[in-house]
């Protein structure tokens, strides 16, 4: 039985960003979705292993509050 190809987390994230961006562009062109000014994705990502419930709750809170602080972020521009 041949070995399955090995993909890193970075490979998987890159493929997801690519597929979702192409789907969005197609939706803008063909289905009248509103265009998005700027970039859809940040260039990189930071991975983090969630080790307990306290960390999970803190990360969830960050995700919920994060869009409010985008305009102040150095990655927003």
PDB file of N, CA and C in Angstrom:
ATOM      1  N   UNK A   1       0.844  -1.178   0.000  1.00  0.00           N
ATOM      2  CA  UNK A   1       0.000   0.000   0.000  1.00  0.00           C
ATOM      3  C   UNK A   1       0.895   1.250   0.000  1.00  0.00           C
ATOM      4  N   UNK A   2       0.672   2.179  -0.942  1.00  0.00           N
ATOM      5  CA  UNK A   2       1.512   3.374  -1.005  1.00  0.00           C
ATOM      6  C   UNK A   2       1.281   4.280   0.203  1.00  0.00           C
ATOM      7  N   UNK A   3       2.335   4.982   0.589  1.00  0.00           N
ATOM      8  CA  UNK A   3       2.239   5.910   1.717  1.00  0.00           C
ATOM      9  C   UNK A   3       1.386   7.114   1.323  1.00  0.00           C
ATOM     10  N   UNK A   4       0.612   7.595   2.267  1.00  0.00           N
ATOM     11  CA  UNK A   4      -0.189   8.795   2.031  1.00  0.00           C
ATOM     12  C   UNK A   4       0.717  10.019   2.064  1.00  0.00           C
ATOM     13  N   UNK A   5       0.400  11.021   1.245  1.00  0.00           N
ATOM     14  CA  UNK A   5       1.228  12.223   1.277  1.00  0.00           C
ATOM     15  C   UNK A   5       1.131  12.919   2.633  1.00  0.00           C
ATOM     16  N   UNK A   6       2.222  13.471   3.081  1.00  0.00           N
ATOM     17  CA  UNK A   6       2.249  14.176   4.356  1.00  0.00           C
ATOM     18  C   UNK A   6       2.130  15.677   4.087  1.00  0.00           C
ATOM     19  N   UNK A   7       1.225  16.321   4.807  1.00  0.00           N
ATOM     20  CA  UNK A   7       1.035  17.757   4.659  1.00  0.00           C
ATOM     21  C   UNK A   7       1.191  18.419   6.022  1.00  0.00           C
ATOM     22  N   UNK A   8       1.883  19.537   6.029  1.00  0.00           N
ATOM     23  CA  UNK A   8       2.051  20.286   7.268  1.00  0.00           C
ATOM     24  C   UNK A   8       0.791  21.107   7.542  1.00  0.00           C
ATOM     25  N   UNK A   9       0.677  21.603   8.755  1.00  0.00           N
ATOM     26  CA  UNK A   9      -0.435  22.488   9.081  1.00  0.00           C
ATOM     27  C   UNK A   9      -0.400  23.707   8.165  1.00  0.00           C
ATOM     28  N   UNK A  10       0.790  24.219   7.875  1.00  0.00           N
ATOM     29  CA  UNK A  10       0.923  25.358   6.969  1.00  0.00           C
ATOM     30  C   UNK A  10       0.384  25.059   5.574  1.00  0.00           C
ATOM     31  N   UNK A  11       0.637  23.845   5.077  1.00  0.00           N
ATOM     32  CA  UNK A  11       0.106  23.443   3.769  1.00  0.00           C
ATOM     33  C   UNK A  11      -1.419  23.438   3.772  1.00  0.00           C
ATOM     34  N   UNK A  12      -1.986  22.937   4.849  1.00  0.00           N
ATOM     35  CA  UNK A  12      -3.447  22.843   4.957  1.00  0.00           C
ATOM     36  C   UNK A  12      -4.067  24.241   5.046  1.00  0.00           C
ATOM     37  N   UNK A  13      -3.479  25.115   5.857  1.00  0.00           N
ATOM     38  CA  UNK A  13      -3.980  26.481   5.996  1.00  0.00           C
ATOM     39  C   UNK A  13      -3.879  27.210   4.656  1.00  0.00           C
ATOM     40  N   UNK A  14      -2.755  27.053   3.973  1.00  0.00           N
ATOM     41  CA  UNK A  14      -2.566  27.693   2.669  1.00  0.00           C
ATOM     42  C   UNK A  14      -3.631  27.239   1.678  1.00  0.00           C
ATOM     43  N   UNK A  15      -3.908  25.944   1.628  1.00  0.00           N
ATOM     44  CA  UNK A  15      -4.927  25.423   0.721  1.00  0.00           C
ATOM     45  C   UNK A  15      -6.307  25.952   1.079  1.00  0.00           C
ATOM     46  N   UNK A  16      -6.619  26.012   2.369  1.00  0.00           N
ATOM     47  CA  UNK A  16      -7.918  26.533   2.806  1.00  0.00           C
ATOM     48  C   UNK A  16      -8.079  28.003   2.401  1.00  0.00           C
ATOM     49  N   UNK A  17      -7.045  28.806   2.660  1.00  0.00           N
ATOM     50  CA  UNK A  17      -7.114  30.227   2.300  1.00  0.00           C
ATOM     51  C   UNK A  17      -7.278  30.394   0.791  1.00  0.00           C
ATOM     52  N   UNK A  18      -6.549  29.610   0.029  1.00  0.00           N
ATOM     53  CA  UNK A  18      -6.632  29.692  -1.427  1.00  0.00           C
ATOM     54  C   UNK A  18      -8.018  29.328  -1.937  1.00  0.00           C
ATOM     55  N   UNK A  19      -8.543  28.199  -1.481  1.00  0.00           N
ATOM     56  CA  UNK A  19      -9.866  27.749  -1.933  1.00  0.00           C
ATOM     57  C   UNK A  19     -10.964  28.730  -1.531  1.00  0.00           C
ATOM     58  N   UNK A  20     -10.914  29.205  -0.298  1.00  0.00           N
ATOM     59  CA  UNK A  20     -11.961  30.113   0.154  1.00  0.00           C
ATOM     60  C   UNK A  20     -11.872  31.466  -0.554  1.00  0.00           C
ATOM     61  N   UNK A  21     -10.662  31.934  -0.846  1.00  0.00           N
ATOM     62  CA  UNK A  21     -10.506  33.191  -1.570  1.00  0.00           C
ATOM     63  C   UNK A  21     -11.033  33.063  -2.992  1.00  0.00           C
ATOM     64  N   UNK A  22     -10.704  31.969  -3.667  1.00  0.00           N
ATOM     65  CA  UNK A  22     -11.206  31.757  -5.027  1.00  0.00           C
ATOM     66  C   UNK A  22     -12.727  31.648  -5.055  1.00  0.00           C
ATOM     67  N   UNK A  23     -13.295  30.982  -4.063  1.00  0.00           N
ATOM     68  CA  UNK A  23     -14.752  30.873  -3.975  1.00  0.00           C
ATOM     69  C   UNK A  23     -15.379  32.250  -3.781  1.00  0.00           C
ATOM     70  N   UNK A  24     -14.764  33.067  -2.921  1.00  0.00           N
ATOM     71  CA  UNK A  24     -15.271  34.421  -2.681  1.00  0.00           C
ATOM     72  C   UNK A  24     -15.195  35.262  -3.957  1.00  0.00           C
ATOM     73  N   UNK A  25     -14.061  35.223  -4.647  1.00  0.00           N
ATOM     74  CA  UNK A  25     -13.908  35.992  -5.885  1.00  0.00           C
ATOM     75  C   UNK A  25     -14.954  35.566  -6.907  1.00  0.00           C
ATOM     76  N   UNK A  26     -15.182  34.279  -7.019  1.00  0.00           N
ATOM     77  CA  UNK A  26     -16.208  33.761  -7.934  1.00  0.00           C
ATOM     78  C   UNK A  26     -17.592  34.271  -7.532  1.00  0.00           C
ATOM     79  N   UNK A  27     -17.857  34.296  -6.227  1.00  0.00           N
ATOM     80  CA  UNK A  27     -19.145  34.800  -5.744  1.00  0.00           C
ATOM     81  C   UNK A  27     -19.335  36.274  -6.045  1.00  0.00           C
ATOM     82  N   UNK A  28     -18.262  37.060  -5.936  1.00  0.00           N
ATOM     83  CA  UNK A  28     -18.335  38.493  -6.264  1.00  0.00           C
ATOM     84  C   UNK A  28     -18.648  38.663  -7.747  1.00  0.00           C
ATOM     85  N   UNK A  29     -17.949  37.910  -8.581  1.00  0.00           N
ATOM     86  CA  UNK A  29     -18.132  38.044 -10.038  1.00  0.00           C
ATOM     87  C   UNK A  29     -19.463  37.498 -10.542  1.00  0.00           C
ATOM     88  N   UNK A  30     -19.869  36.355 -10.019  1.00  0.00           N
ATOM     89  CA  UNK A  30     -21.004  35.640 -10.600  1.00  0.00           C
ATOM     90  C   UNK A  30     -22.304  35.765  -9.823  1.00  0.00           C
ATOM     91  N   UNK A  31     -22.227  36.095  -8.536  1.00  0.00           N
ATOM     92  CA  UNK A  31     -23.445  36.111  -7.727  1.00  0.00           C
ATOM     93  C   UNK A  31     -23.710  37.453  -7.060  1.00  0.00           C
ATOM     94  N   UNK A  32     -22.907  38.443  -7.389  1.00  0.00           N
ATOM     95  CA  UNK A  32     -23.146  39.780  -6.875  1.00  0.00           C
ATOM     96  C   UNK A  32     -22.815  39.974  -5.402  1.00  0.00           C
ATOM     97  N   UNK A  33     -21.932  39.134  -4.860  1.00  0.00           N
ATOM     98  CA  UNK A  33     -21.517  39.327  -3.463  1.00  0.00           C
ATOM     99  C   UNK A  33     -20.811  40.668  -3.351  1.00  0.00           C
ATOM    100  N   UNK A  34     -20.911  41.330  -2.214  1.00  0.00           N
ATOM    101  CA  UNK A  34     -20.211  42.609  -2.079  1.00  0.00           C
ATOM    102  C   UNK A  34     -18.698  42.403  -2.077  1.00  0.00           C
ATOM    103  N   UNK A  35     -17.975  43.232  -2.839  1.00  0.00           N
ATOM    104  CA  UNK A  35     -16.517  43.104  -2.840  1.00  0.00           C
ATOM    105  C   UNK A  35     -15.938  43.565  -1.509  1.00  0.00           C
ATOM    106  N   UNK A  36     -14.814  42.990  -1.166  1.00  0.00           N
ATOM    107  CA  UNK A  36     -14.127  43.321   0.078  1.00  0.00           C
ATOM    108  C   UNK A  36     -12.902  44.159  -0.259  1.00  0.00           C
ATOM    109  N   UNK A  37     -12.812  45.327   0.327  1.00  0.00           N
ATOM    110  CA  UNK A  37     -11.646  46.187   0.114  1.00  0.00           C
ATOM    111  C   UNK A  37     -10.532  45.729   1.054  1.00  0.00           C
ATOM    112  N   UNK A  38      -9.387  45.492   0.531  1.00  0.00           N
ATOM    113  CA  UNK A  38      -8.274  45.048   1.355  1.00  0.00           C
ATOM    114  C   UNK A  38      -8.019  43.568   1.165  1.00  0.00           C
ATOM    115  N   UNK A  39      -7.323  42.979   2.098  1.00  0.00           N
ATOM    116  CA  UNK A  39      -6.969  41.565   2.026  1.00  0.00           C
ATOM    117  C   UNK A  39      -7.963  40.739   2.833  1.00  0.00           C
ATOM    118  N   UNK A  40      -8.278  39.557   2.321  1.00  0.00           N
ATOM    119  CA  UNK A  40      -9.192  38.660   3.037  1.00  0.00           C
ATOM    120  C   UNK A  40      -8.504  37.957   4.191  1.00  0.00           C
ATOM    121  N   UNK A  41      -7.227  37.693   4.051  1.00  0.00           N
ATOM    122  CA  UNK A  41      -6.491  36.915   5.037  1.00  0.00           C
ATOM    123  C   UNK A  41      -5.222  37.638   5.457  1.00  0.00           C
ATOM    124  N   UNK A  42      -4.838  37.437   6.708  1.00  0.00           N
ATOM    125  CA  UNK A  42      -3.528  37.891   7.140  1.00  0.00           C
ATOM    126  C   UNK A  42      -2.482  37.003   6.478  1.00  0.00           C
ATOM    127  N   UNK A  43      -1.286  37.520   6.322  1.00  0.00           N
ATOM    128  CA  UNK A  43      -0.247  36.775   5.623  1.00  0.00           C
ATOM    129  C   UNK A  43       0.127  35.491   6.356  1.00  0.00           C
ATOM    130  N   UNK A  44       0.271  35.534   7.634  1.00  0.00           N
ATOM    131  CA  UNK A  44       0.672  34.368   8.410  1.00  0.00           C
ATOM    132  C   UNK A  44      -0.378  34.048   9.463  1.00  0.00           C
ATOM    133  N   UNK A  45      -0.118  33.044  10.204  1.00  0.00           N
ATOM    134  CA  UNK A  45      -0.993  32.674  11.310  1.00  0.00           C
ATOM    135  C   UNK A  45      -0.101  32.231  12.455  1.00  0.00           C
ATOM    136  N   UNK A  46      -0.657  32.223  13.624  1.00  0.00           N
ATOM    137  CA  UNK A  46       0.069  31.764  14.796  1.00  0.00           C
ATOM    138  C   UNK A  46      -0.681  30.581  15.373  1.00  0.00           C
ATOM    139  N   UNK A  47      -0.030  29.448  15.413  1.00  0.00           N
ATOM    140  CA  UNK A  47      -0.683  28.262  15.948  1.00  0.00           C
ATOM    141  C   UNK A  47      -0.493  28.208  17.456  1.00  0.00           C
ATOM    142  N   UNK A  48      -1.446  27.628  18.107  1.00  0.00           N
ATOM    143  CA  UNK A  48      -1.406  27.534  19.563  1.00  0.00           C
ATOM    144  C   UNK A  48      -2.156  26.269  19.959  1.00  0.00           C
ATOM    145  N   UNK A  49      -1.542  25.456  20.776  1.00  0.00           N
ATOM    146  CA  UNK A  49      -2.215  24.271  21.319  1.00  0.00           C
ATOM    147  C   UNK A  49      -2.985  24.711  22.554  1.00  0.00           C
ATOM    148  N   UNK A  50      -4.270  24.436  22.549  1.00  0.00           N
ATOM    149  CA  UNK A  50      -5.124  24.797  23.686  1.00  0.00           C
ATOM    150  C   UNK A  50      -5.041  23.654  24.688  1.00  0.00           C
ATOM    151  N   UNK A  51      -4.541  23.958  25.874  1.00  0.00           N
ATOM    152  CA  UNK A  51      -4.220  22.912  26.837  1.00  0.00           C
ATOM    153  C   UNK A  51      -5.263  22.696  27.923  1.00  0.00           C
ATOM    154  N   UNK A  52      -6.155  23.661  28.124  1.00  0.00           N
ATOM    155  CA  UNK A  52      -7.167  23.476  29.170  1.00  0.00           C
ATOM    156  C   UNK A  52      -8.351  24.404  28.912  1.00  0.00           C
ATOM    157  N   UNK A  53      -9.369  24.247  29.726  1.00  0.00           N
ATOM    158  CA  UNK A  53     -10.607  25.021  29.537  1.00  0.00           C
ATOM    159  C   UNK A  53     -10.379  26.517  29.714  1.00  0.00           C
ATOM    160  N   UNK A  54      -9.532  26.910  30.650  1.00  0.00           N
ATOM    161  CA  UNK A  54      -9.253  28.331  30.874  1.00  0.00           C
ATOM    162  C   UNK A  54      -8.671  28.965  29.607  1.00  0.00           C
ATOM    163  N   UNK A  55      -7.710  28.288  28.979  1.00  0.00           N
ATOM    164  CA  UNK A  55      -7.134  28.799  27.735  1.00  0.00           C
ATOM    165  C   UNK A  55      -8.179  28.850  26.630  1.00  0.00           C
ATOM    166  N   UNK A  56      -9.025  27.832  26.546  1.00  0.00           N
ATOM    167  CA  UNK A  56     -10.082  27.809  25.537  1.00  0.00           C
ATOM    168  C   UNK A  56     -11.004  29.016  25.687  1.00  0.00           C
ATOM    169  N   UNK A  57     -11.431  29.305  26.901  1.00  0.00           N
ATOM    170  CA  UNK A  57     -12.325  30.434  27.134  1.00  0.00           C
ATOM    171  C   UNK A  57     -11.637  31.764  26.811  1.00  0.00           C
ATOM    172  N   UNK A  58     -10.357  31.887  27.149  1.00  0.00           N
ATOM    173  CA  UNK A  58      -9.623  33.113  26.844  1.00  0.00           C
ATOM    174  C   UNK A  58      -9.500  33.315  25.327  1.00  0.00           C
ATOM    175  N   UNK A  59      -9.246  32.254  24.600  1.00  0.00           N
ATOM    176  CA  UNK A  59      -9.114  32.349  23.145  1.00  0.00           C
ATOM    177  C   UNK A  59     -10.453  32.664  22.505  1.00  0.00           C
ATOM    178  N   UNK A  60     -11.515  32.054  22.989  1.00  0.00           N
ATOM    179  CA  UNK A  60     -12.856  32.370  22.472  1.00  0.00           C
ATOM    180  C   UNK A  60     -13.183  33.845  22.679  1.00  0.00           C
ATOM    181  N   UNK A  61     -12.859  34.353  23.843  1.00  0.00           N
ATOM    182  CA  UNK A  61     -13.109  35.761  24.145  1.00  0.00           C
ATOM    183  C   UNK A  61     -12.301  36.656  23.208  1.00  0.00           C
ATOM    184  N   UNK A  62     -11.049  36.311  22.978  1.00  0.00           N
ATOM    185  CA  UNK A  62     -10.200  37.073  22.057  1.00  0.00           C
ATOM    186  C   UNK A  62     -10.805  37.093  20.652  1.00  0.00           C
ATOM    187  N   UNK A  63     -11.269  35.945  20.184  1.00  0.00           N
ATOM    188  CA  UNK A  63     -11.851  35.856  18.844  1.00  0.00           C
ATOM    189  C   UNK A  63     -13.101  36.726  18.740  1.00  0.00           C
ATOM    190  N   UNK A  64     -13.910  36.730  19.770  1.00  0.00           N
ATOM    191  CA  UNK A  64     -15.129  37.540  19.750  1.00  0.00           C
ATOM    192  C   UNK A  64     -14.823  39.038  19.768  1.00  0.00           C
ATOM    193  N   UNK A  65     -13.809  39.454  20.509  1.00  0.00           N
ATOM    194  CA  UNK A  65     -13.489  40.878  20.647  1.00  0.00           C
ATOM    195  C   UNK A  65     -12.541  41.391  19.572  1.00  0.00           C
ATOM    196  N   UNK A  66     -11.801  40.529  18.928  1.00  0.00           N
ATOM    197  CA  UNK A  66     -10.747  40.929  18.007  1.00  0.00           C
ATOM    198  C   UNK A  66     -11.211  41.837  16.861  1.00  0.00           C
ATOM    199  N   UNK A  67     -12.326  41.581  16.194  1.00  0.00           N
ATOM    200  CA  UNK A  67     -12.716  42.462  15.075  1.00  0.00           C
ATOM    201  C   UNK A  67     -12.845  43.929  15.473  1.00  0.00           C
ATOM    202  N   UNK A  68     -13.158  44.201  16.711  1.00  0.00           N
ATOM    203  CA  UNK A  68     -13.302  45.586  17.169  1.00  0.00           C
ATOM    204  C   UNK A  68     -11.965  46.316  17.178  1.00  0.00           C
ATOM    205  N   UNK A  69     -10.864  45.595  17.243  1.00  0.00           N
ATOM    206  CA  UNK A  69      -9.552  46.238  17.324  1.00  0.00           C
ATOM    207  C   UNK A  69      -8.755  46.146  16.022  1.00  0.00           C
ATOM    208  N   UNK A  70      -9.357  45.671  14.955  1.00  0.00           N
ATOM    209  CA  UNK A  70      -8.628  45.487  13.693  1.00  0.00           C
ATOM    210  C   UNK A  70      -8.008  46.775  13.171  1.00  0.00           C
ATOM    211  N   UNK A  71      -8.744  47.861  13.195  1.00  0.00           N
ATOM    212  CA  UNK A  71      -8.237  49.091  12.584  1.00  0.00           C
ATOM    213  C   UNK A  71      -6.971  49.594  13.279  1.00  0.00           C
ATOM    214  N   UNK A  72      -6.759  49.204  14.530  1.00  0.00           N
ATOM    215  CA  UNK A  72      -5.558  49.617  15.257  1.00  0.00           C
ATOM    216  C   UNK A  72      -4.391  48.647  15.053  1.00  0.00           C
ATOM    217  N   UNK A  73      -4.627  47.529  14.403  1.00  0.00           N
ATOM    218  CA  UNK A  73      -3.604  46.496  14.249  1.00  0.00           C
ATOM    219  C   UNK A  73      -2.611  46.836  13.146  1.00  0.00           C
ATOM    220  N   UNK A  74      -1.338  46.506  13.367  1.00  0.00           N
ATOM    221  CA  UNK A  74      -0.329  46.705  12.332  1.00  0.00           C
ATOM    222  C   UNK A  74      -0.558  45.776  11.138  1.00  0.00           C
ATOM    223  N   UNK A  75      -1.307  44.682  11.326  1.00  0.00           N
ATOM    224  CA  UNK A  75      -1.585  43.723  10.254  1.00  0.00           C
ATOM    225  C   UNK A  75      -2.780  44.136   9.408  1.00  0.00           C
ATOM    226  N   UNK A  76      -3.533  45.124   9.859  1.00  0.00           N
ATOM    227  CA  UNK A  76      -4.739  45.567   9.160  1.00  0.00           C
ATOM    228  C   UNK A  76      -4.408  46.320   7.885  1.00  0.00           C
ATOM    229  N   UNK A  77      -3.334  47.033   7.904  1.00  0.00           N
ATOM    230  CA  UNK A  77      -2.990  47.934   6.789  1.00  0.00           C
ATOM    231  C   UNK A  77      -2.524  47.189   5.582  1.00  0.00           C
TER     232      UNK A  77
END
